[in-house]
C-alpha atoms as a PDB file:
ATOM      1  CA  MET A   1      -4.077  21.975  20.457  1.00  0.00           C
ATOM      2  CA  LEU A   2      -2.262  19.636  18.059  1.00  0.00           C
ATOM      3  CA  PHE A   3      -3.951  16.655  16.407  1.00  0.00           C
ATOM      4  CA  ASP A   4      -1.484  14.568  14.388  1.00  0.00           C
ATOM      5  CA  PHE A   5      -3.609  12.945  11.690  1.00  0.00           C
ATOM      6  CA  HIS A   6      -0.964  10.523  10.365  1.00  0.00           C
ATOM      7  CA  THR A   7       1.008   8.219  12.663  1.00  0.00           C
ATOM      8  CA  HIS A   8       2.075   4.588  12.702  1.00  0.00           C
ATOM      9  CA  ALA A   9       2.749   1.941  15.328  1.00  0.00           C
ATOM     10  CA  PHE A  10       2.777  -1.827  15.587  1.00  0.00           C
ATOM     11  CA  ALA A  11       1.742  -4.408  18.137  1.00  0.00           C
ATOM     12  CA  ASP A  12       4.464  -4.823  20.762  1.00  0.00           C
ATOM     13  CA  ALA A  13       5.196  -8.396  19.672  1.00  0.00           C
ATOM     14  CA  ILE A  14       6.198  -7.362  16.137  1.00  0.00           C
ATOM     15  CA  ALA A  15       7.299  -3.741  16.515  1.00  0.00           C
ATOM     16  CA  GLU A  16      11.051  -4.366  16.756  1.00  0.00           C
ATOM     17  CA  ARG A  17      11.075  -6.706  13.759  1.00  0.00           C
ATOM     18  CA  ALA A  18       8.857  -4.444  11.645  1.00  0.00           C
ATOM     19  CA  MET A  19      10.900  -1.340  12.364  1.00  0.00           C
ATOM     20  CA  ALA A  20      14.176  -3.106  11.622  1.00  0.00           C
ATOM     21  CA  SER A  21      12.847  -4.367   8.302  1.00  0.00           C
ATOM     22  CA  LEU A  22      11.643  -0.924   7.217  1.00  0.00           C
ATOM     23  CA  LEU A  23      14.836   0.825   8.276  1.00  0.00           C
ATOM     24  CA  ASN A  24      17.023  -1.765   6.557  1.00  0.00           C
ATOM     25  CA  THR A  25      15.088  -1.234   3.341  1.00  0.00           C
ATOM     26  CA  THR A  26      15.621   2.521   3.416  1.00  0.00           C
ATOM     27  CA  LYS A  27      19.342   2.121   4.104  1.00  0.00           C
ATOM     28  CA  ASN A  28      19.740   0.278   0.797  1.00  0.00           C
ATOM     29  CA  ASN A  29      18.581   3.385  -1.104  1.00  0.00           C
ATOM     30  CA  LYS A  30      20.881   6.385  -1.425  1.00  0.00           C
ATOM     31  CA  GLU A  31      17.857   8.706  -1.371  1.00  0.00           C
ATOM     32  CA  THR A  32      16.603   7.348   1.940  1.00  0.00           C
ATOM     33  CA  GLU A  33      19.694   6.099   3.756  1.00  0.00           C
ATOM     34  CA  HIS A  34      19.558   9.182   6.025  1.00  0.00           C
ATOM     35  CA  MET A  35      16.094   8.276   7.354  1.00  0.00           C
ATOM     36  CA  LYS A  36      15.692   7.620  11.040  1.00  0.00           C
ATOM     37  CA  ALA A  37      12.889   6.581  13.355  1.00  0.00           C
ATOM     38  CA  TYR A  38      11.613   8.877  16.103  1.00  0.00           C
ATOM     39  CA  THR A  39       9.917   6.075  18.086  1.00  0.00           C
ATOM     40  CA  ASP A  40      10.494   2.358  18.615  1.00  0.00           C
ATOM     41  CA  GLY A  41       7.325   1.583  16.684  1.00  0.00           C
ATOM     42  CA  THR A  42       5.170   0.741  19.716  1.00  0.00           C
ATOM     43  CA  ILE A  43       2.071   2.485  21.034  1.00  0.00           C
ATOM     44  CA  SER A  44       3.969   3.475  24.164  1.00  0.00           C
ATOM     45  CA  GLY A  45       6.707   4.902  21.957  1.00  0.00           C
ATOM     46  CA  LEU A  46       4.115   6.969  20.101  1.00  0.00           C
ATOM     47  CA  ARG A  47       2.676   8.227  23.378  1.00  0.00           C
ATOM     48  CA  ASN A  48       6.160   9.214  24.559  1.00  0.00           C
ATOM     49  CA  LEU A  49       6.725  11.151  21.327  1.00  0.00           C
ATOM     50  CA  MET A  50       3.357  12.873  21.712  1.00  0.00           C
ATOM     51  CA  GLN A  51       4.227  13.972  25.227  1.00  0.00           C
ATOM     52  CA  GLU A  52       7.707  15.125  24.221  1.00  0.00           C
ATOM     53  CA  LYS A  53       6.489  17.141  21.220  1.00  0.00           C
ATOM     54  CA  GLY A  54       3.282  18.508  22.717  1.00  0.00           C
ATOM     55  CA  ILE A  55       0.884  16.470  20.573  1.00  0.00           C
ATOM     56  CA  ASP A  56      -2.557  16.178  22.188  1.00  0.00           C
ATOM     57  CA  LYS A  57      -4.139  13.585  19.891  1.00  0.00           C
ATOM     58  CA  SER A  58      -2.943  11.251  17.160  1.00  0.00           C
ATOM     59  CA  LEU A  59      -4.600   9.181  14.462  1.00  0.00           C
ATOM     60  CA  LEU A  60      -3.003   5.768  13.977  1.00  0.00           C
ATOM     61  CA  LEU A  61      -2.993   4.404  10.419  1.00  0.00           C
ATOM     62  CA  PRO A  62      -2.346   0.641  10.361  1.00  0.00           C
ATOM     63  CA  ILE A  63      -1.741  -1.122   7.040  1.00  0.00           C
ATOM     64  CA  ALA A  64      -2.596  -4.710   6.099  1.00  0.00           C
ATOM     65  CA  THR A  65       0.118  -5.763   3.655  1.00  0.00           C
ATOM     66  CA  LYS A  66      -1.557  -9.165   3.193  1.00  0.00           C
ATOM     67  CA  PRO A  67      -5.270 -10.026   3.003  1.00  0.00           C
ATOM     68  CA  SER A  68      -4.870 -12.383   5.958  1.00  0.00           C
ATOM     69  CA  GLN A  69      -3.757  -9.527   8.230  1.00  0.00           C
ATOM     70  CA  GLN A  70      -6.747  -7.222   8.071  1.00  0.00           C
ATOM     71  CA  THR A  71      -8.935  -8.854  10.728  1.00  0.00           C
ATOM     72  CA  THR A  72      -6.146  -9.158  13.301  1.00  0.00           C
ATOM     73  CA  ILE A  73      -4.905  -5.624  12.685  1.00  0.00           C
ATOM     74  CA  ASN A  74      -8.366  -4.114  12.985  1.00  0.00           C
ATOM     75  CA  ASN A  75      -9.043  -5.966  16.239  1.00  0.00           C
ATOM     76  CA  TRP A  76      -5.735  -4.647  17.606  1.00  0.00           C
ATOM     77  CA  ALA A  77      -6.529  -1.097  16.466  1.00  0.00           C
ATOM     78  CA  ALA A  78      -9.872  -1.199  18.280  1.00  0.00           C
ATOM     79  CA  ASP A  79      -8.134  -2.442  21.425  1.00  0.00           C
ATOM     80  CA  VAL A  80      -5.453   0.276  21.536  1.00  0.00           C
ATOM     81  CA  MET A  81      -7.739   3.198  20.710  1.00  0.00           C
ATOM     82  CA  GLY A  82      -8.411   5.671  23.495  1.00  0.00           C
ATOM     83  CA  SER A  83      -6.745   8.280  25.733  1.00  0.00           C
ATOM     84  CA  GLY A  84      -5.745  10.510  22.840  1.00  0.00           C
ATOM     85  CA  ILE A  85      -5.101   7.728  20.324  1.00  0.00           C
ATOM     86  CA  TYR A  86      -7.625   7.420  17.500  1.00  0.00           C
ATOM     87  CA  CYS A  87      -7.363   4.629  14.928  1.00  0.00           C
ATOM     88  CA  CYS A  88      -8.331   3.866  11.376  1.00  0.00           C
ATOM     89  CA  GLY A  89      -8.895   0.329  10.239  1.00  0.00           C
ATOM     90  CA  THR A  90      -7.413  -1.243   7.151  1.00  0.00           C
ATOM     91  CA  VAL A  91      -8.522  -3.552   4.385  1.00  0.00           C
ATOM     92  CA  HIS A  92      -6.517  -5.239   1.661  1.00  0.00           C
ATOM     93  CA  PRO A  93      -7.832  -4.842  -1.907  1.00  0.00           C
ATOM     94  CA  ASP A  94      -7.126  -8.525  -2.603  1.00  0.00           C
ATOM     95  CA  ALA A  95      -9.165  -9.779   0.351  1.00  0.00           C
ATOM     96  CA  GLU A  96     -12.349 -11.545  -0.720  1.00  0.00           C
ATOM     97  CA  ASN A  97     -14.183 -10.065   2.265  1.00  0.00           C
ATOM     98  CA  ALA A  98     -12.802  -6.522   1.948  1.00  0.00           C
ATOM     99  CA  VAL A  99     -16.241  -4.915   1.685  1.00  0.00           C
ATOM    100  CA  GLU A 100     -17.532  -6.872   4.668  1.00  0.00           C
ATOM    101  CA  GLU A 101     -14.449  -5.810   6.622  1.00  0.00           C
ATOM    102  CA  VAL A 102     -15.241  -2.170   5.864  1.00  0.00           C
ATOM    103  CA  GLU A 103     -18.573  -2.695   7.603  1.00  0.00           C
ATOM    104  CA  ARG A 104     -16.825  -4.385  10.537  1.00  0.00           C
ATOM    105  CA  ILE A 105     -14.403  -1.451  10.809  1.00  0.00           C
ATOM    106  CA  LYS A 106     -17.416   0.783  11.314  1.00  0.00           C
ATOM    107  CA  SER A 107     -18.895  -1.561  13.913  1.00  0.00           C
ATOM    108  CA  LEU A 108     -15.595  -1.583  15.845  1.00  0.00           C
ATOM    109  CA  GLY A 109     -15.794   2.176  16.252  1.00  0.00           C
ATOM    110  CA  LEU A 110     -12.705   2.851  14.133  1.00  0.00           C
ATOM    111  CA  CYS A 111     -12.551   6.241  12.464  1.00  0.00           C
ATOM    112  CA  GLY A 112     -11.835   5.479   8.831  1.00  0.00           C
ATOM    113  CA  ILE A 113      -9.833   3.278   6.473  1.00  0.00           C
ATOM    114  CA  LYS A 114      -6.144   3.383   5.598  1.00  0.00           C
ATOM    115  CA  LEU A 115      -4.976   2.183   2.178  1.00  0.00           C
ATOM    116  CA  HIS A 116      -1.384   2.200   0.938  1.00  0.00           C
ATOM    117  CA  PRO A 117      -1.028   1.537  -2.816  1.00  0.00           C
ATOM    118  CA  GLU A 118       2.750   1.046  -2.625  1.00  0.00           C
ATOM    119  CA  TYR A 119       2.538  -1.561   0.130  1.00  0.00           C
ATOM    120  CA  GLN A 120      -0.672  -3.212  -1.097  1.00  0.00           C
ATOM    121  CA  LEU A 121       0.217  -3.073  -4.809  1.00  0.00           C
ATOM    122  CA  PHE A 122      -2.782  -1.431  -6.416  1.00  0.00           C
ATOM    123  CA  TYR A 123      -3.651   1.759  -8.275  1.00  0.00           C
ATOM    124  CA  PRO A 124      -6.141   3.914  -6.367  1.00  0.00           C
ATOM    125  CA  ASP A 125      -8.339   4.454  -9.423  1.00  0.00           C
ATOM    126  CA  GLU A 126      -8.571   0.850 -10.632  1.00  0.00           C
ATOM    127  CA  GLU A 127     -12.080  -0.539 -10.657  1.00  0.00           C
ATOM    128  CA  ARG A 128     -11.432  -3.552  -8.449  1.00  0.00           C
ATOM    129  CA  VAL A 129     -11.102  -1.212  -5.450  1.00  0.00           C
ATOM    130  CA  PHE A 130     -14.312   0.702  -6.168  1.00  0.00           C
ATOM    131  CA  PRO A 131     -16.580  -1.515  -4.007  1.00  0.00           C
ATOM    132  CA  ILE A 132     -14.459  -0.551  -0.982  1.00  0.00           C
ATOM    133  CA  TYR A 133     -14.914   3.150  -1.745  1.00  0.00           C
ATOM    134  CA  ARG A 134     -18.618   2.713  -2.383  1.00  0.00           C
ATOM    135  CA  LYS A 135     -19.176   1.004   0.959  1.00  0.00           C
ATOM    136  CA  ALA A 136     -16.998   3.502   2.851  1.00  0.00           C
ATOM    137  CA  ALA A 137     -18.969   6.409   1.400  1.00  0.00           C
ATOM    138  CA  GLU A 138     -22.269   4.687   2.163  1.00  0.00           C
ATOM    139  CA  ILE A 139     -21.490   4.202   5.871  1.00  0.00           C
ATOM    140  CA  GLY A 140     -19.588   7.436   6.419  1.00  0.00           C
ATOM    141  CA  LEU A 141     -15.949   6.349   6.726  1.00  0.00           C
ATOM    142  CA  PHE A 142     -13.201   8.511   5.273  1.00  0.00           C
ATOM    143  CA  VAL A 143     -10.309   6.852   3.423  1.00  0.00           C
ATOM    144  CA  VAL A 144      -6.693   7.883   3.987  1.00  0.00           C
ATOM    145  CA  PHE A 145      -4.355   7.052   1.103  1.00  0.00           C
ATOM    146  CA  HIS A 146      -0.610   7.171   0.841  1.00  0.00           C
ATOM    147  CA  ALA A 147      -0.037   9.564  -2.065  1.00  0.00           C
ATOM    148  CA  GLY A 148       2.999   9.994  -4.282  1.00  0.00           C
ATOM    149  CA  TRP A 149       6.553   8.758  -3.803  1.00  0.00           C
ATOM    150  CA  ASP A 150       7.387   6.356  -0.983  1.00  0.00           C
ATOM    151  CA  PRO A 151      10.881   5.554   0.339  1.00  0.00           C
ATOM    152  CA  ILE A 152      10.445   1.821  -0.076  1.00  0.00           C
ATOM    153  CA  GLY A 153       8.187   1.904  -3.129  1.00  0.00           C
ATOM    154  CA  LYS A 154       9.034   0.560  -6.544  1.00  0.00           C
ATOM    155  CA  GLU A 155      10.285   2.617  -9.477  1.00  0.00           C
ATOM    156  CA  GLU A 156       6.752   3.373 -10.653  1.00  0.00           C
ATOM    157  CA  ILE A 157       4.680   5.619  -8.385  1.00  0.00           C
ATOM    158  CA  LEU A 158       1.327   3.886  -8.018  1.00  0.00           C
ATOM    159  CA  ALA A 159      -0.630   6.733  -6.430  1.00  0.00           C
ATOM    160  CA  PRO A 160      -0.062  10.010  -8.318  1.00  0.00           C
ATOM    161  CA  PRO A 161      -2.322  13.015  -7.665  1.00  0.00           C
ATOM    162  CA  LYS A 162      -4.272  12.369 -10.876  1.00  0.00           C
ATOM    163  CA  SER A 163      -5.501   9.048  -9.491  1.00  0.00           C
ATOM    164  CA  PHE A 164      -7.185  10.869  -6.595  1.00  0.00           C
ATOM    165  CA  ALA A 165      -8.771  13.330  -8.983  1.00  0.00           C
ATOM    166  CA  ASN A 166     -10.259  10.350 -10.811  1.00  0.00           C
ATOM    167  CA  ILE A 167     -11.622   8.867  -7.572  1.00  0.00           C
ATOM    168  CA  ALA A 168     -12.999  12.194  -6.379  1.00  0.00           C
ATOM    169  CA  GLU A 169     -14.941  12.581  -9.631  1.00  0.00           C
ATOM    170  CA  LYS A 170     -16.351   9.063  -9.508  1.00  0.00           C
ATOM    171  CA  PHE A 171     -17.162   9.082  -5.776  1.00  0.00           C
ATOM    172  CA  PRO A 172     -18.225  12.607  -4.780  1.00  0.00           C
ATOM    173  CA  ASP A 173     -19.693  11.294  -1.506  1.00  0.00           C
ATOM    174  CA  LEU A 174     -16.422   9.667  -0.436  1.00  0.00           C
ATOM    175  CA  THR A 175     -14.183  11.693   1.871  1.00  0.00           C
ATOM    176  CA  ILE A 176     -10.628  11.238   0.578  1.00  0.00           C
ATOM    177  CA  VAL A 177      -7.481  12.118   2.515  1.00  0.00           C
ATOM    178  CA  ALA A 178      -4.523  12.181   0.118  1.00  0.00           C
ATOM    179  CA  ALA A 179      -1.527  12.073   2.449  1.00  0.00           C
ATOM    180  CA  HIS A 180       1.728  13.978   1.987  1.00  0.00           C
ATOM    181  CA  MET A 181      -0.006  17.086   0.593  1.00  0.00           C
ATOM    182  CA  GLY A 182      -1.701  15.125  -2.156  1.00  0.00           C
ATOM    183  CA  GLY A 183       1.423  13.457  -3.538  1.00  0.00           C
ATOM    184  CA  MET A 184       4.890  13.292  -2.008  1.00  0.00           C
ATOM    185  CA  ARG A 185       7.430  14.890  -4.363  1.00  0.00           C
ATOM    186  CA  LEU A 186       4.697  15.429  -6.976  1.00  0.00           C
ATOM    187  CA  PHE A 187       3.585  18.821  -5.717  1.00  0.00           C
ATOM    188  CA  ASP A 188       3.491  20.468  -9.160  1.00  0.00           C
ATOM    189  CA  GLU A 189       0.971  17.829 -10.237  1.00  0.00           C
ATOM    190  CA  VAL A 190      -0.995  18.427  -7.039  1.00  0.00           C
ATOM    191  CA  GLU A 191      -1.253  22.105  -7.965  1.00  0.00           C
ATOM    192  CA  ASP A 192      -2.259  21.292 -11.536  1.00  0.00           C
ATOM    193  CA  CYS A 193      -4.920  18.634 -11.139  1.00  0.00           C
ATOM    194  CA  LEU A 194      -6.004  18.290  -7.508  1.00  0.00           C
ATOM    195  CA  ALA A 195      -5.692  21.396  -5.340  1.00  0.00           C
ATOM    196  CA  GLY A 196      -8.893  23.394  -5.119  1.00  0.00           C
ATOM    197  CA  LYS A 197     -10.840  21.183  -7.503  1.00  0.00           C
ATOM    198  CA  PHE A 198     -12.746  18.806  -5.208  1.00  0.00           C
ATOM    199  CA  LYS A 199     -14.771  19.428  -2.059  1.00  0.00           C
ATOM    200  CA  ASN A 200     -14.326  15.841  -0.877  1.00  0.00           C
ATOM    201  CA  VAL A 201     -10.494  15.776  -0.909  1.00  0.00           C
ATOM    202  CA  TYR A 202      -8.277  16.619   2.051  1.00  0.00           C
ATOM    203  CA  PHE A 203      -4.466  16.748   2.182  1.00  0.00           C
ATOM    204  CA  ASP A 204      -2.300  15.946   5.193  1.00  0.00           C
ATOM    205  CA  THR A 205       1.156  17.359   5.840  1.00  0.00           C
ATOM    206  CA  GLY A 206       2.767  14.045   6.777  1.00  0.00           C
ATOM    207  CA  ALA A 207       6.575  14.207   6.476  1.00  0.00           C
ATOM    208  CA  VAL A 208       6.581  16.866   3.759  1.00  0.00           C
ATOM    209  CA  ALA A 209       8.656  19.518   5.552  1.00  0.00           C
ATOM    210  CA  ASP A 210      11.912  18.243   4.042  1.00  0.00           C
ATOM    211  CA  TYR A 211      10.459  17.963   0.524  1.00  0.00           C
ATOM    212  CA  ILE A 212       8.439  21.109  -0.167  1.00  0.00           C
ATOM    213  CA  ASN A 213       9.347  24.774   0.019  1.00  0.00           C
ATOM    214  CA  SER A 214       7.286  27.326   1.912  1.00  0.00           C
ATOM    215  CA  GLU A 215       6.135  29.148  -1.220  1.00  0.00           C
ATOM    216  CA  GLN A 216       4.675  26.031  -2.822  1.00  0.00           C
ATOM    217  CA  ILE A 217       2.923  24.669   0.258  1.00  0.00           C
ATOM    218  CA  PHE A 218       1.407  28.101   0.878  1.00  0.00           C
ATOM    219  CA  ARG A 219       0.131  28.204  -2.722  1.00  0.00           C
ATOM    220  CA  ILE A 220      -1.418  24.760  -2.341  1.00  0.00           C
ATOM    221  CA  ILE A 221      -3.087  25.658   0.952  1.00  0.00           C
ATOM    222  CA  GLU A 222      -4.417  28.933  -0.455  1.00  0.00           C
ATOM    223  CA  LYS A 223      -5.766  27.152  -3.529  1.00  0.00           C
ATOM    224  CA  HIS A 224      -7.197  24.126  -1.725  1.00  0.00           C
ATOM    225  CA  GLY A 225      -8.424  25.896   1.406  1.00  0.00           C
ATOM    226  CA  ALA A 226      -7.118  25.674   4.961  1.00  0.00           C
ATOM    227  CA  ASP A 227     -10.334  23.828   5.871  1.00  0.00           C
ATOM    228  CA  LYS A 228      -9.092  20.839   3.835  1.00  0.00           C
ATOM    229  CA  ILE A 229      -5.542  20.570   5.274  1.00  0.00           C
ATOM    230  CA  LEU A 230      -4.638  18.268   8.177  1.00  0.00           C
ATOM    231  CA  PHE A 231      -1.556  18.586  10.339  1.00  0.00           C
ATOM    232  CA  ALA A 232       0.359  15.301  10.230  1.00  0.00           C
ATOM    233  CA  SER A 233       3.870  14.016  10.836  1.00  0.00           C
ATOM    234  CA  ASP A 234       3.957  10.400   9.578  1.00  0.00           C
ATOM    235  CA  ALA A 235       5.569   9.479  12.914  1.00  0.00           C
ATOM    236  CA  PRO A 236       7.748   7.558  13.574  1.00  0.00           C
ATOM    237  CA  TRP A 237       9.255   8.603  10.233  1.00  0.00           C
ATOM    238  CA  ASP A 238       9.425  12.315  10.933  1.00  0.00           C
ATOM    239  CA  ASP A 239       9.696  14.698  13.865  1.00  0.00           C
ATOM    240  CA  PRO A 240       6.306  16.403  14.353  1.00  0.00           C
ATOM    241  CA  LEU A 241       8.090  19.652  15.193  1.00  0.00           C
ATOM    242  CA  LYS A 242       9.205  19.926  11.558  1.00  0.00           C
ATOM    243  CA  GLU A 243       5.613  20.134  10.392  1.00  0.00           C
ATOM    244  CA  THR A 244       4.444  22.391  13.230  1.00  0.00           C
ATOM    245  CA  GLU A 245       7.263  24.835  12.481  1.00  0.00           C
ATOM    246  CA  MET A 246       6.538  24.653   8.756  1.00  0.00           C
ATOM    247  CA  ILE A 247       2.889  25.597   9.314  1.00  0.00           C
ATOM    248  CA  ASN A 248       3.610  28.233  11.951  1.00  0.00           C
ATOM    249  CA  ASN A 249       6.069  29.943   9.606  1.00  0.00           C
ATOM    250  CA  LEU A 250       3.493  30.326   6.823  1.00  0.00           C
ATOM    251  CA  PRO A 251       1.646  33.657   6.414  1.00  0.00           C
ATOM    252  CA  LEU A 252      -1.674  32.131   7.453  1.00  0.00           C
ATOM    253  CA  SER A 253      -4.208  33.571   9.884  1.00  0.00           C
ATOM    254  CA  GLN A 254      -4.380  32.028  13.335  1.00  0.00           C
ATOM    255  CA  SER A 255      -7.874  30.744  12.568  1.00  0.00           C
ATOM    256  CA  ASP A 256      -6.529  28.915   9.497  1.00  0.00           C
ATOM    257  CA  LYS A 257      -3.657  27.473  11.532  1.00  0.00           C
ATOM    258  CA  ASP A 258      -6.127  26.283  14.157  1.00  0.00           C
ATOM    259  CA  LEU A 259      -8.117  24.493  11.450  1.00  0.00           C
ATOM    260  CA  ILE A 260      -4.982  22.779  10.187  1.00  0.00           C
ATOM    261  CA  PHE A 261      -3.564  21.903  13.598  1.00  0.00           C
ATOM    262  CA  TYR A 262      -6.735  20.392  15.056  1.00  0.00           C
ATOM    263  CA  GLY A 263     -10.064  21.767  13.807  1.00  0.00           C
ATOM    264  CA  ASN A 264     -10.295  19.832  10.570  1.00  0.00           C
ATOM    265  CA  ALA A 265      -9.230  16.588  12.249  1.00  0.00           C
ATOM    266  CA  GLU A 266     -11.856  16.920  14.942  1.00  0.00           C
ATOM    267  CA  ARG A 267     -14.513  17.638  12.313  1.00  0.00           C
ATOM    268  CA  LEU A 268     -13.581  14.495  10.358  1.00  0.00           C
ATOM    269  CA  ILE A 269     -13.424  12.308  13.458  1.00  0.00           C
ATOM    270  CA  GLY A 270     -16.835  13.663  14.420  1.00  0.00           C
ATOM    271  CA  GLY A 271     -18.772  11.903  17.115  1.00  0.00           C
ATOM    272  CA  ASN A 272     -16.247   9.159  17.773  1.00  0.00           C
ATOM    273  CA  ARG A 273     -16.660   8.038  21.367  1.00  0.00           C
ATOM    274  CA  TYR A 274     -12.944   7.958  22.171  1.00  0.00           C
ATOM    275  CA  ALA A 275     -11.064  11.005  23.390  1.00  0.00           C
END
């Protein structure tokens, strides 16, 4: 069983335009000009990738880059969820009704909330976002954050591992998923200030296979606990086989690998009615 906890797709009407824009941005950066897409950005493209790579279930993480987008995106996410596709909702920190939208996300049957500091231009530990966390914790929604470096981010990294440590301390009842093993390309900081320190923090493996060596990811998993690691690819921006091979090649027990590949995801999704 494989449950990919970090994937992306767009509505059919905008998928081609959105993918072209993102790929053009990465091509203007020498560090990211090699990046490619493994789907066309549509739900059907994601399903095709799942079938090709042997992925049984995927969690879709939509992102509202403007306050005006959150309602439409969340309605779409609720509509496409099912038959192996699970979805988070999204809110924008600048939306006046962000807290109310968190409640609506719950009512729509969505699994959690996706926030992306680099795309939404906020620091995870700034106080203006705290009401969103407070409401999510109150009604039992986990929050998935982009963490660390991002290919199309600005020079300053807005979501370092320390910011998640600050949130975890302030909101012990909030379930936090810090994507990209707690901070893409900031793995030393993850080891220093985040790994193994908080019961309410999970890491996902989204797109890290090309950026972390086997010794360091094994140390982080051992320190943090296999029960807090989620298999993820960040599709369409990485081939899920890279992350499955990375995990399979680690000296972990099969029971720990099973937790990472699907057990932890199913525990977090819980009693969601979609399968």
